[in-house]
């Protein structure tokens, strides 16, 4: 049953609703911005209405399958780890796009909402909102680049781990967080490399 639910969860996550909505709007998301076939690029390419629909669908494909696995399938404990990670990996490496998926942010919120009855996803939303607000103030409310935005998502996931530790979360949730965070870091590797380059240049500048 764990294998069956994991396969179902992977297929659910692999459904690229935002990309397909973009195609209906005659927009190829893989040629927009950073080429991410997710809801944020749909928002940029086709407007906020379709963007919101894309976000909700990407959220739902993580939330609904986890809810069904728990409520209808009776999945719990360590057996939930592969099931919870499957929609995130499915979205990130969708076979419908030949392995080129999105950055898995909305589906991450959906999975954690299903696992913890919205508690952890709400905590992540607060963490990201506070970080975004702080960055806006520092930059005097100027637009924030997608590069910085991606870096904040990674830092937000790391801070979520601190929240889970303080909340004395179950071990299976910590394993899900670990896999989720590694995947988010992988999908934001360009932003992380840019951050490291900037830090290295700052270090070289202060040394001079």
N, C-alpha and C. Protein backbone atom coordinates (compact mmCIF):
# COMPACT_ATOMS: atom_id res chain seq x y z
N UNK A 1 0.82 -1.21 0.00
CA UNK A 1 0.00 0.00 0.00
C UNK A 1 0.85 1.26 0.00
N UNK A 2 1.99 1.20 0.71
CA UNK A 2 2.88 2.37 0.71
C UNK A 2 3.38 2.66 -0.69
N UNK A 3 3.77 1.60 -1.41
CA UNK A 3 4.27 1.77 -2.78
C UNK A 3 3.17 2.33 -3.69
N UNK A 4 1.96 1.81 -3.53
CA UNK A 4 0.84 2.26 -4.35
C UNK A 4 0.53 3.74 -4.10
N UNK A 5 0.47 4.12 -2.82
CA UNK A 5 0.19 5.51 -2.49
C UNK A 5 1.33 6.43 -2.94
N UNK A 6 2.56 5.94 -2.86
CA UNK A 6 3.71 6.73 -3.32
C UNK A 6 3.63 6.99 -4.82
N UNK A 7 3.26 5.96 -5.57
CA UNK A 7 3.11 6.13 -7.02
C UNK A 7 1.99 7.11 -7.35
N UNK A 8 0.87 6.99 -6.65
CA UNK A 8 -0.25 7.90 -6.86
C UNK A 8 0.15 9.34 -6.53
N UNK A 9 0.89 9.49 -5.44
CA UNK A 9 1.32 10.83 -5.02
C UNK A 9 2.30 11.41 -6.03
N UNK A 10 3.18 10.58 -6.57
CA UNK A 10 4.14 11.07 -7.57
C UNK A 10 3.42 11.54 -8.83
N UNK A 11 2.48 10.74 -9.29
CA UNK A 11 1.72 11.11 -10.50
C UNK A 11 0.93 12.39 -10.25
N UNK A 12 0.34 12.51 -9.07
CA UNK A 12 -0.40 13.71 -8.72
C UNK A 12 0.51 14.94 -8.79
N UNK A 13 1.68 14.83 -8.19
CA UNK A 13 2.61 15.95 -8.21
C UNK A 13 3.13 16.26 -9.59
N UNK A 14 3.22 15.24 -10.44
CA UNK A 14 3.77 15.42 -11.79
C UNK A 14 2.81 16.12 -12.75
N UNK A 15 1.55 16.26 -12.36
CA UNK A 15 0.57 16.94 -13.21
C UNK A 15 0.91 18.43 -13.25
N UNK A 16 1.36 18.92 -14.39
CA UNK A 16 1.87 20.30 -14.49
C UNK A 16 0.75 21.26 -14.89
N UNK A 17 -0.13 21.51 -13.95
CA UNK A 17 -1.29 22.34 -14.22
C UNK A 17 -0.91 23.75 -14.69
N UNK A 18 0.06 24.36 -14.04
CA UNK A 18 0.44 25.73 -14.40
C UNK A 18 0.99 25.78 -15.82
N UNK A 19 1.80 24.80 -16.18
CA UNK A 19 2.35 24.76 -17.54
C UNK A 19 1.23 24.60 -18.56
N UNK A 20 0.29 23.69 -18.27
CA UNK A 20 -0.80 23.45 -19.22
C UNK A 20 -1.73 24.66 -19.31
N UNK A 21 -1.97 25.33 -18.21
CA UNK A 21 -2.77 26.55 -18.26
C UNK A 21 -2.07 27.61 -19.10
N UNK A 22 -0.76 27.66 -18.96
CA UNK A 22 0.01 28.60 -19.79
C UNK A 22 -0.12 28.28 -21.27
N UNK A 23 -0.10 27.01 -21.62
CA UNK A 23 -0.26 26.63 -23.02
C UNK A 23 -1.64 27.01 -23.54
N UNK A 24 -2.67 26.86 -22.66
CA UNK A 24 -4.02 27.28 -23.06
C UNK A 24 -4.07 28.78 -23.33
N UNK A 25 -3.25 29.52 -22.58
CA UNK A 25 -3.17 30.97 -22.78
C UNK A 25 -2.15 31.34 -23.85
N UNK A 26 -1.67 30.34 -24.58
CA UNK A 26 -0.69 30.52 -25.65
C UNK A 26 0.63 31.09 -25.14
N UNK A 27 1.01 30.62 -23.95
CA UNK A 27 2.29 31.01 -23.36
C UNK A 27 3.08 29.74 -23.02
N UNK A 28 4.32 29.70 -23.44
CA UNK A 28 5.19 28.58 -23.08
C UNK A 28 6.03 29.02 -21.88
N UNK A 29 5.70 28.51 -20.71
CA UNK A 29 6.37 28.96 -19.49
C UNK A 29 7.86 28.64 -19.48
N UNK A 30 8.25 27.66 -20.27
CA UNK A 30 9.66 27.31 -20.31
C UNK A 30 10.51 28.34 -21.05
N UNK A 31 9.84 29.30 -21.69
CA UNK A 31 10.56 30.38 -22.36
C UNK A 31 10.33 31.72 -21.66
N UNK A 32 9.68 31.69 -20.50
CA UNK A 32 9.39 32.91 -19.74
C UNK A 32 10.30 33.00 -18.52
N UNK A 33 10.89 34.15 -18.28
CA UNK A 33 11.72 34.35 -17.09
C UNK A 33 12.83 33.33 -16.98
N UNK A 34 12.85 32.60 -15.86
CA UNK A 34 13.90 31.59 -15.65
C UNK A 34 13.51 30.22 -16.21
N UNK A 35 12.39 30.16 -16.95
CA UNK A 35 11.98 28.91 -17.57
C UNK A 35 11.27 27.95 -16.64
N UNK A 36 10.94 28.39 -15.43
CA UNK A 36 10.27 27.54 -14.46
C UNK A 36 8.80 27.34 -14.86
N UNK A 37 8.36 26.09 -15.08
CA UNK A 37 6.98 25.83 -15.51
C UNK A 37 6.00 25.78 -14.35
N UNK A 38 6.15 26.70 -13.41
CA UNK A 38 5.30 26.71 -12.23
C UNK A 38 4.36 27.90 -12.20
N UNK A 39 3.67 28.03 -11.07
CA UNK A 39 2.61 29.02 -10.95
C UNK A 39 3.12 30.46 -11.00
N UNK A 40 4.32 30.71 -10.45
CA UNK A 40 4.84 32.08 -10.45
C UNK A 40 5.09 32.57 -11.87
N UNK A 41 5.67 31.72 -12.70
CA UNK A 41 5.89 32.10 -14.09
C UNK A 41 4.58 32.22 -14.85
N UNK A 42 3.59 31.40 -14.48
CA UNK A 42 2.26 31.52 -15.08
C UNK A 42 1.68 32.89 -14.74
N UNK A 43 1.84 33.32 -13.50
CA UNK A 43 1.38 34.64 -13.06
C UNK A 43 2.03 35.73 -13.91
N UNK A 44 3.35 35.62 -14.10
CA UNK A 44 4.08 36.63 -14.87
C UNK A 44 3.68 36.63 -16.34
N UNK A 45 3.46 35.44 -16.88
CA UNK A 45 3.21 35.32 -18.32
C UNK A 45 1.76 35.57 -18.71
N UNK A 46 0.81 35.14 -17.87
CA UNK A 46 -0.60 35.17 -18.27
C UNK A 46 -1.49 35.99 -17.34
N UNK A 47 -0.91 36.63 -16.33
CA UNK A 47 -1.70 37.47 -15.43
C UNK A 47 -2.05 36.79 -14.12
N UNK A 48 -2.52 37.60 -13.17
CA UNK A 48 -2.72 37.09 -11.81
C UNK A 48 -3.88 36.11 -11.71
N UNK A 49 -4.90 36.24 -12.58
CA UNK A 49 -6.05 35.32 -12.47
C UNK A 49 -5.63 33.88 -12.72
N UNK A 50 -4.97 33.64 -13.83
CA UNK A 50 -4.49 32.29 -14.11
C UNK A 50 -3.40 31.89 -13.12
N UNK A 51 -2.62 32.88 -12.68
CA UNK A 51 -1.57 32.59 -11.70
C UNK A 51 -2.15 32.04 -10.40
N UNK A 52 -3.24 32.64 -9.94
CA UNK A 52 -3.88 32.18 -8.71
C UNK A 52 -4.45 30.77 -8.90
N UNK A 53 -5.06 30.53 -10.06
CA UNK A 53 -5.59 29.19 -10.35
C UNK A 53 -4.45 28.17 -10.34
N UNK A 54 -3.31 28.54 -10.94
CA UNK A 54 -2.16 27.65 -10.95
C UNK A 54 -1.65 27.35 -9.56
N UNK A 55 -1.58 28.37 -8.72
CA UNK A 55 -1.12 28.18 -7.34
C UNK A 55 -2.04 27.22 -6.60
N UNK A 56 -3.36 27.43 -6.74
CA UNK A 56 -4.33 26.58 -6.04
C UNK A 56 -4.25 25.13 -6.52
N UNK A 57 -4.09 24.94 -7.82
CA UNK A 57 -4.01 23.57 -8.35
C UNK A 57 -2.71 22.89 -7.92
N UNK A 58 -1.61 23.64 -7.95
CA UNK A 58 -0.34 23.06 -7.50
C UNK A 58 -0.37 22.74 -6.01
N UNK A 59 -1.04 23.58 -5.24
CA UNK A 59 -1.22 23.32 -3.82
C UNK A 59 -2.07 22.06 -3.62
N UNK A 60 -3.17 21.98 -4.37
CA UNK A 60 -4.13 20.89 -4.20
C UNK A 60 -3.53 19.54 -4.53
N UNK A 61 -2.65 19.47 -5.52
CA UNK A 61 -2.12 18.16 -5.91
C UNK A 61 -1.18 17.60 -4.84
N UNK A 62 -0.68 18.46 -3.95
CA UNK A 62 0.07 17.97 -2.80
C UNK A 62 -0.84 17.70 -1.62
N UNK A 63 -1.81 18.56 -1.41
CA UNK A 63 -2.69 18.46 -0.24
C UNK A 63 -3.66 17.29 -0.32
N UNK A 64 -4.34 17.17 -1.46
CA UNK A 64 -5.42 16.18 -1.58
C UNK A 64 -4.89 14.76 -1.47
N UNK A 65 -3.79 14.46 -2.15
CA UNK A 65 -3.28 13.08 -2.13
C UNK A 65 -2.79 12.69 -0.74
N UNK A 66 -2.20 13.63 -0.01
CA UNK A 66 -1.76 13.34 1.36
C UNK A 66 -2.97 13.13 2.26
N UNK A 67 -3.97 13.97 2.10
CA UNK A 67 -5.18 13.83 2.90
C UNK A 67 -5.84 12.48 2.66
N UNK A 68 -5.90 12.08 1.41
CA UNK A 68 -6.50 10.78 1.08
C UNK A 68 -5.67 9.63 1.65
N UNK A 69 -4.34 9.75 1.54
CA UNK A 69 -3.48 8.69 2.05
C UNK A 69 -3.65 8.51 3.55
N UNK A 70 -3.82 9.62 4.26
CA UNK A 70 -3.96 9.57 5.71
C UNK A 70 -5.37 9.14 6.12
N UNK A 71 -6.37 9.81 5.55
CA UNK A 71 -7.75 9.59 5.99
C UNK A 71 -8.35 8.31 5.41
N UNK A 72 -8.15 8.08 4.12
CA UNK A 72 -8.75 6.92 3.47
C UNK A 72 -7.81 5.70 3.48
N UNK A 73 -6.51 5.96 3.34
CA UNK A 73 -5.56 4.86 3.26
C UNK A 73 -4.98 4.44 4.59
N UNK A 74 -5.18 5.26 5.62
CA UNK A 74 -4.67 4.92 6.94
C UNK A 74 -3.15 4.98 7.04
N UNK A 75 -2.50 5.71 6.14
CA UNK A 75 -1.05 5.81 6.18
C UNK A 75 -0.60 6.71 7.33
N UNK A 76 0.47 6.33 8.01
CA UNK A 76 0.96 7.12 9.14
C UNK A 76 2.42 6.77 9.42
N UNK A 77 3.05 7.55 10.28
CA UNK A 77 4.41 7.26 10.71
C UNK A 77 5.41 7.28 9.56
N UNK A 78 6.40 6.39 9.65
CA UNK A 78 7.47 6.37 8.65
C UNK A 78 6.96 6.00 7.26
N UNK A 79 5.86 5.30 7.19
CA UNK A 79 5.29 4.95 5.89
C UNK A 79 4.85 6.16 5.09
N UNK A 80 4.62 7.28 5.79
CA UNK A 80 4.19 8.50 5.11
C UNK A 80 5.35 9.25 4.46
N UNK A 81 6.58 8.93 4.83
CA UNK A 81 7.74 9.69 4.32
C UNK A 81 7.81 9.65 2.80
N UNK A 82 7.86 8.47 2.15
CA UNK A 82 7.93 8.47 0.68
C UNK A 82 6.68 9.04 0.03
N UNK A 83 5.53 8.83 0.68
CA UNK A 83 4.28 9.35 0.12
C UNK A 83 4.28 10.87 0.15
N UNK A 84 4.77 11.46 1.23
CA UNK A 84 4.79 12.91 1.36
C UNK A 84 5.80 13.56 0.41
N UNK A 85 6.92 12.89 0.19
CA UNK A 85 7.94 13.46 -0.70
C UNK A 85 7.60 13.26 -2.17
N UNK A 86 6.80 12.26 -2.48
CA UNK A 86 6.52 11.92 -3.87
C UNK A 86 5.88 13.05 -4.68
N UNK A 87 4.86 13.79 -4.17
CA UNK A 87 4.30 14.87 -4.98
C UNK A 87 5.31 15.98 -5.25
N UNK A 88 6.19 16.23 -4.28
CA UNK A 88 7.20 17.28 -4.43
C UNK A 88 8.20 16.89 -5.51
N UNK A 89 8.65 15.63 -5.47
CA UNK A 89 9.58 15.14 -6.49
C UNK A 89 8.88 15.05 -7.84
N UNK A 90 7.61 14.65 -7.84
CA UNK A 90 6.87 14.56 -9.09
C UNK A 90 6.77 15.90 -9.79
N UNK A 91 6.53 16.96 -9.00
CA UNK A 91 6.44 18.30 -9.58
C UNK A 91 7.82 18.78 -10.05
N UNK A 92 8.84 18.49 -9.27
CA UNK A 92 10.19 18.97 -9.59
C UNK A 92 10.79 18.27 -10.80
N UNK A 93 10.41 17.01 -11.01
CA UNK A 93 10.97 16.22 -12.11
C UNK A 93 9.84 15.52 -12.87
N UNK A 94 8.93 16.31 -13.38
CA UNK A 94 7.73 15.75 -14.00
C UNK A 94 8.05 14.98 -15.28
N UNK A 95 7.61 13.72 -15.36
CA UNK A 95 7.79 12.96 -16.61
C UNK A 95 6.99 13.55 -17.76
N UNK A 96 5.95 14.34 -17.45
CA UNK A 96 5.17 14.98 -18.51
C UNK A 96 5.95 16.09 -19.20
N UNK A 97 7.02 16.56 -18.56
CA UNK A 97 7.90 17.56 -19.16
C UNK A 97 9.32 17.02 -19.31
N UNK A 98 9.40 15.70 -19.46
CA UNK A 98 10.69 15.03 -19.65
C UNK A 98 11.66 15.32 -18.51
N UNK A 99 11.14 15.33 -17.31
CA UNK A 99 11.97 15.51 -16.12
C UNK A 99 12.26 16.94 -15.75
N UNK A 100 11.74 17.89 -16.54
CA UNK A 100 12.00 19.30 -16.25
C UNK A 100 10.78 19.92 -15.59
N UNK A 101 10.73 19.84 -14.28
CA UNK A 101 9.59 20.35 -13.55
C UNK A 101 9.82 21.71 -12.94
N UNK A 102 8.95 22.06 -12.00
CA UNK A 102 9.02 23.37 -11.36
C UNK A 102 9.83 23.33 -10.07
N UNK A 103 9.76 24.42 -9.32
CA UNK A 103 10.57 24.57 -8.11
C UNK A 103 9.87 24.06 -6.86
N UNK A 104 8.64 23.60 -7.01
CA UNK A 104 7.94 22.81 -5.98
C UNK A 104 7.60 23.58 -4.71
N UNK A 105 7.33 24.85 -4.82
CA UNK A 105 7.00 25.64 -3.63
C UNK A 105 5.53 25.47 -3.25
N UNK A 106 4.63 25.68 -4.21
CA UNK A 106 3.20 25.56 -3.91
C UNK A 106 2.85 24.14 -3.48
N UNK A 107 3.41 23.13 -4.14
CA UNK A 107 3.11 21.75 -3.77
C UNK A 107 3.69 21.42 -2.40
N UNK A 108 4.79 22.05 -2.04
CA UNK A 108 5.35 21.89 -0.70
C UNK A 108 4.36 22.37 0.36
N UNK A 109 3.76 23.51 0.13
CA UNK A 109 2.73 24.01 1.05
C UNK A 109 1.56 23.04 1.14
N UNK A 110 1.18 22.46 0.00
CA UNK A 110 0.07 21.52 0.00
C UNK A 110 0.38 20.27 0.81
N UNK A 111 1.58 19.73 0.63
CA UNK A 111 1.97 18.52 1.36
C UNK A 111 1.98 18.77 2.86
N UNK A 112 2.59 19.86 3.29
CA UNK A 112 2.66 20.14 4.73
C UNK A 112 1.29 20.47 5.31
N UNK A 113 0.42 21.04 4.51
CA UNK A 113 -0.95 21.29 4.98
C UNK A 113 -1.66 19.98 5.24
N UNK A 114 -1.47 19.00 4.35
CA UNK A 114 -2.09 17.70 4.54
C UNK A 114 -1.50 16.92 5.69
N UNK A 115 -0.18 17.06 5.89
CA UNK A 115 0.49 16.31 6.96
C UNK A 115 0.18 16.84 8.35
N UNK A 116 0.03 18.16 8.47
CA UNK A 116 -0.05 18.77 9.80
C UNK A 116 -1.29 19.65 10.00
N UNK A 117 -2.30 19.42 9.16
CA UNK A 117 -3.53 20.21 9.27
C UNK A 117 -3.23 21.70 9.21
N UNK A 118 -2.38 22.08 8.28
CA UNK A 118 -2.03 23.47 7.95
C UNK A 118 -1.05 24.12 8.93
N UNK A 119 -0.72 23.48 10.04
CA UNK A 119 0.14 24.14 11.03
C UNK A 119 1.51 24.50 10.47
N UNK A 120 2.20 23.53 9.88
CA UNK A 120 3.58 23.78 9.42
C UNK A 120 3.58 24.65 8.17
N UNK A 121 2.62 24.48 7.30
CA UNK A 121 2.56 25.34 6.11
C UNK A 121 2.30 26.79 6.52
N UNK A 122 1.48 26.99 7.55
CA UNK A 122 1.23 28.34 8.05
C UNK A 122 2.51 28.92 8.65
N UNK A 123 3.25 28.09 9.38
CA UNK A 123 4.52 28.54 9.96
C UNK A 123 5.49 28.96 8.85
N UNK A 124 5.57 28.17 7.79
CA UNK A 124 6.45 28.50 6.66
C UNK A 124 6.00 29.79 5.99
N UNK A 125 4.69 29.97 5.85
CA UNK A 125 4.17 31.19 5.24
C UNK A 125 4.55 32.42 6.07
N UNK A 126 4.46 32.30 7.40
CA UNK A 126 4.82 33.41 8.29
C UNK A 126 6.32 33.71 8.17
N UNK A 127 7.13 32.65 8.17
CA UNK A 127 8.59 32.83 8.05
C UNK A 127 8.93 33.57 6.76
N UNK A 128 8.36 33.14 5.65
CA UNK A 128 8.65 33.76 4.36
C UNK A 128 8.12 35.19 4.30
N UNK A 129 6.94 35.42 4.89
CA UNK A 129 6.36 36.76 4.89
C UNK A 129 7.22 37.74 5.69
N UNK A 130 7.71 37.30 6.85
CA UNK A 130 8.58 38.15 7.67
C UNK A 130 9.88 38.45 6.94
N UNK A 131 10.46 37.43 6.31
CA UNK A 131 11.70 37.63 5.56
C UNK A 131 11.48 38.59 4.39
N UNK A 132 10.36 38.41 3.68
CA UNK A 132 10.06 39.29 2.55
C UNK A 132 9.85 40.72 3.02
N UNK A 133 9.10 40.89 4.12
CA UNK A 133 8.88 42.24 4.66
C UNK A 133 10.18 42.90 5.07
N UNK A 134 11.04 42.13 5.73
CA UNK A 134 12.33 42.68 6.14
C UNK A 134 13.18 43.09 4.97
N UNK A 135 13.18 42.25 3.92
CA UNK A 135 13.96 42.58 2.73
C UNK A 135 13.40 43.80 2.02
N UNK A 136 12.08 43.93 2.00
CA UNK A 136 11.45 45.10 1.38
C UNK A 136 11.86 46.38 2.11
N UNK A 137 11.88 46.32 3.43
CA UNK A 137 12.27 47.50 4.21
C UNK A 137 13.73 47.85 3.95
N UNK A 138 14.58 46.82 3.95
CA UNK A 138 16.01 47.05 3.71
C UNK A 138 16.24 47.68 2.34
N UNK A 139 15.48 47.21 1.34
CA UNK A 139 15.64 47.71 -0.03
C UNK A 139 14.72 48.90 -0.33
N UNK A 140 14.14 49.46 0.75
CA UNK A 140 13.27 50.65 0.61
C UNK A 140 12.12 50.38 -0.36
N UNK A 141 11.53 49.19 -0.25
CA UNK A 141 10.34 48.78 -0.98
C UNK A 141 10.56 48.70 -2.49
N UNK A 142 11.80 48.56 -2.90
CA UNK A 142 12.09 48.34 -4.32
C UNK A 142 11.82 46.87 -4.66
N UNK A 143 11.55 46.57 -5.95
CA UNK A 143 11.30 45.17 -6.34
C UNK A 143 12.48 44.26 -5.99
N UNK A 144 12.16 43.05 -5.55
CA UNK A 144 13.19 42.08 -5.18
C UNK A 144 13.39 41.12 -6.35
N UNK A 145 14.64 40.85 -6.67
CA UNK A 145 14.95 39.97 -7.80
C UNK A 145 14.53 38.54 -7.50
N UNK A 146 14.28 37.77 -8.57
CA UNK A 146 13.92 36.36 -8.41
C UNK A 146 15.06 35.58 -7.77
N UNK A 147 16.29 36.06 -7.96
CA UNK A 147 17.46 35.42 -7.36
C UNK A 147 17.39 35.50 -5.84
N UNK A 148 17.14 36.70 -5.33
CA UNK A 148 17.03 36.90 -3.88
C UNK A 148 15.81 36.17 -3.34
N UNK A 149 14.74 36.18 -4.11
CA UNK A 149 13.51 35.50 -3.70
C UNK A 149 13.77 34.00 -3.51
N UNK A 150 14.52 33.40 -4.44
CA UNK A 150 14.86 31.99 -4.33
C UNK A 150 15.72 31.68 -3.12
N UNK A 151 16.66 32.58 -2.84
CA UNK A 151 17.52 32.42 -1.67
C UNK A 151 16.70 32.45 -0.39
N UNK A 152 15.70 33.31 -0.36
CA UNK A 152 14.84 33.41 0.82
C UNK A 152 14.03 32.13 1.03
N UNK A 153 13.60 31.51 -0.05
CA UNK A 153 12.84 30.27 0.07
C UNK A 153 13.71 29.19 0.73
N UNK A 154 14.96 29.09 0.30
CA UNK A 154 15.87 28.10 0.88
C UNK A 154 16.10 28.38 2.36
N UNK A 155 16.37 29.64 2.69
CA UNK A 155 16.59 30.01 4.09
C UNK A 155 15.33 29.76 4.90
N UNK A 156 14.17 30.04 4.30
CA UNK A 156 12.91 29.78 4.98
C UNK A 156 12.72 28.32 5.31
N UNK A 157 13.10 27.44 4.40
CA UNK A 157 13.00 26.00 4.66
C UNK A 157 13.94 25.59 5.79
N UNK A 158 15.12 26.17 5.83
CA UNK A 158 16.05 25.85 6.92
C UNK A 158 15.50 26.32 8.26
N UNK A 159 14.90 27.50 8.28
CA UNK A 159 14.29 28.01 9.51
C UNK A 159 13.08 27.17 9.92
N UNK A 160 12.40 26.61 8.93
CA UNK A 160 11.27 25.72 9.24
C UNK A 160 11.76 24.50 10.02
N UNK A 161 12.97 24.04 9.69
CA UNK A 161 13.55 22.94 10.45
C UNK A 161 13.74 23.28 11.91
N UNK A 162 14.14 24.53 12.17
CA UNK A 162 14.29 24.99 13.55
C UNK A 162 12.93 24.96 14.25
N UNK A 163 11.90 25.43 13.54
CA UNK A 163 10.54 25.41 14.10
C UNK A 163 10.12 23.99 14.45
N UNK A 164 10.36 23.05 13.54
CA UNK A 164 9.97 21.66 13.79
C UNK A 164 10.74 21.08 14.98
N UNK A 165 12.01 21.45 15.09
CA UNK A 165 12.82 20.96 16.21
C UNK A 165 12.30 21.51 17.54
N UNK A 166 12.00 22.80 17.56
CA UNK A 166 11.48 23.43 18.78
C UNK A 166 10.12 22.85 19.16
N UNK A 167 9.33 22.53 18.13
CA UNK A 167 8.00 21.96 18.38
C UNK A 167 8.07 20.47 18.73
N UNK A 168 9.31 19.93 18.75
CA UNK A 168 9.51 18.51 19.06
C UNK A 168 8.69 17.64 18.11
N UNK A 169 8.83 17.93 16.81
CA UNK A 169 8.07 17.22 15.79
C UNK A 169 8.50 15.75 15.74
N UNK A 170 7.60 14.91 15.29
CA UNK A 170 7.88 13.47 15.16
C UNK A 170 9.01 13.26 14.16
N UNK A 171 9.72 12.17 14.34
CA UNK A 171 10.89 11.88 13.51
C UNK A 171 10.53 11.78 12.03
N UNK A 172 9.35 11.20 11.73
CA UNK A 172 8.97 11.06 10.32
C UNK A 172 8.79 12.42 9.66
N UNK A 173 8.29 13.41 10.40
CA UNK A 173 8.15 14.76 9.85
C UNK A 173 9.50 15.40 9.60
N UNK A 174 10.46 15.12 10.48
CA UNK A 174 11.81 15.64 10.29
C UNK A 174 12.45 15.04 9.05
N UNK A 175 12.20 13.77 8.78
CA UNK A 175 12.72 13.14 7.57
C UNK A 175 12.09 13.76 6.33
N UNK A 176 10.79 14.03 6.38
CA UNK A 176 10.12 14.69 5.25
C UNK A 176 10.72 16.08 5.04
N UNK A 177 10.90 16.81 6.14
CA UNK A 177 11.50 18.15 6.03
C UNK A 177 12.89 18.06 5.40
N UNK A 178 13.70 17.10 5.82
CA UNK A 178 15.05 16.97 5.28
C UNK A 178 15.05 16.73 3.78
N UNK A 179 14.22 15.79 3.33
CA UNK A 179 14.13 15.51 1.90
C UNK A 179 13.57 16.69 1.12
N UNK A 180 12.56 17.34 1.68
CA UNK A 180 11.95 18.51 1.06
C UNK A 180 12.96 19.64 0.92
N UNK A 181 13.72 19.88 1.98
CA UNK A 181 14.70 20.98 1.97
C UNK A 181 15.82 20.71 0.97
N UNK A 182 16.30 19.48 0.91
CA UNK A 182 17.35 19.15 -0.06
C UNK A 182 16.86 19.36 -1.49
N UNK A 183 15.61 18.99 -1.75
CA UNK A 183 15.07 19.17 -3.09
C UNK A 183 14.92 20.66 -3.42
N UNK A 184 14.42 21.45 -2.45
CA UNK A 184 14.29 22.88 -2.68
C UNK A 184 15.65 23.51 -2.95
N UNK A 185 16.67 23.07 -2.23
CA UNK A 185 18.02 23.58 -2.46
C UNK A 185 18.52 23.20 -3.86
N UNK A 186 18.23 21.97 -4.27
CA UNK A 186 18.63 21.52 -5.59
C UNK A 186 17.96 22.34 -6.68
N UNK A 187 16.66 22.61 -6.52
CA UNK A 187 15.92 23.36 -7.53
C UNK A 187 16.28 24.85 -7.52
N UNK A 188 16.95 25.30 -6.46
CA UNK A 188 17.38 26.71 -6.38
C UNK A 188 18.90 26.80 -6.38
N UNK A 189 19.56 25.85 -7.03
CA UNK A 189 21.02 25.82 -6.99
C UNK A 189 21.64 27.06 -7.66
N UNK A 190 20.99 27.60 -8.67
CA UNK A 190 21.53 28.80 -9.32
C UNK A 190 21.52 29.98 -8.36
N UNK A 191 20.43 30.14 -7.62
CA UNK A 191 20.34 31.23 -6.66
C UNK A 191 21.36 31.07 -5.54
N UNK A 192 21.56 29.82 -5.10
CA UNK A 192 22.53 29.57 -4.03
C UNK A 192 23.96 29.83 -4.51
N UNK A 193 24.25 29.46 -5.76
CA UNK A 193 25.58 29.74 -6.29
C UNK A 193 25.82 31.24 -6.39
N UNK A 194 24.79 31.98 -6.79
CA UNK A 194 24.91 33.43 -6.88
C UNK A 194 25.17 34.04 -5.50
N UNK A 195 24.49 33.49 -4.47
CA UNK A 195 24.71 33.97 -3.11
C UNK A 195 26.14 33.71 -2.66
N UNK A 196 26.66 32.52 -2.95
CA UNK A 196 28.03 32.17 -2.56
C UNK A 196 29.04 33.05 -3.29
N UNK A 197 28.78 33.33 -4.57
CA UNK A 197 29.69 34.21 -5.32
C UNK A 197 29.70 35.60 -4.72
N UNK A 198 28.52 36.09 -4.35
CA UNK A 198 28.44 37.43 -3.77
C UNK A 198 29.16 37.48 -2.43
N UNK A 199 28.99 36.46 -1.62
CA UNK A 199 29.67 36.42 -0.32
C UNK A 199 31.20 36.34 -0.50
N UNK A 200 31.61 35.58 -1.52
CA UNK A 200 33.04 35.44 -1.78
C UNK A 200 33.65 36.78 -2.21
N UNK A 201 32.92 37.51 -3.06
CA UNK A 201 33.40 38.81 -3.51
C UNK A 201 33.46 39.80 -2.36
N UNK A 202 32.43 39.73 -1.49
CA UNK A 202 32.43 40.61 -0.31
C UNK A 202 33.62 40.31 0.59
N UNK A 203 33.93 39.01 0.73
CA UNK A 203 35.07 38.61 1.55
C UNK A 203 36.38 39.08 0.97
N UNK A 204 36.50 38.98 -0.37
CA UNK A 204 37.71 39.45 -1.03
C UNK A 204 37.84 40.97 -0.93
N UNK A 205 36.68 41.66 -1.01
CA UNK A 205 36.71 43.11 -0.91
C UNK A 205 37.13 43.58 0.48
N UNK A 206 36.61 42.91 1.52
CA UNK A 206 36.98 43.31 2.89
C UNK A 206 38.43 42.98 3.18
N UNK A 207 38.95 41.90 2.54
CA UNK A 207 40.35 41.54 2.74
C UNK A 207 41.28 42.57 2.14
N UNK A 208 40.85 43.17 0.99
CA UNK A 208 41.65 44.20 0.37
C UNK A 208 41.66 45.48 1.21
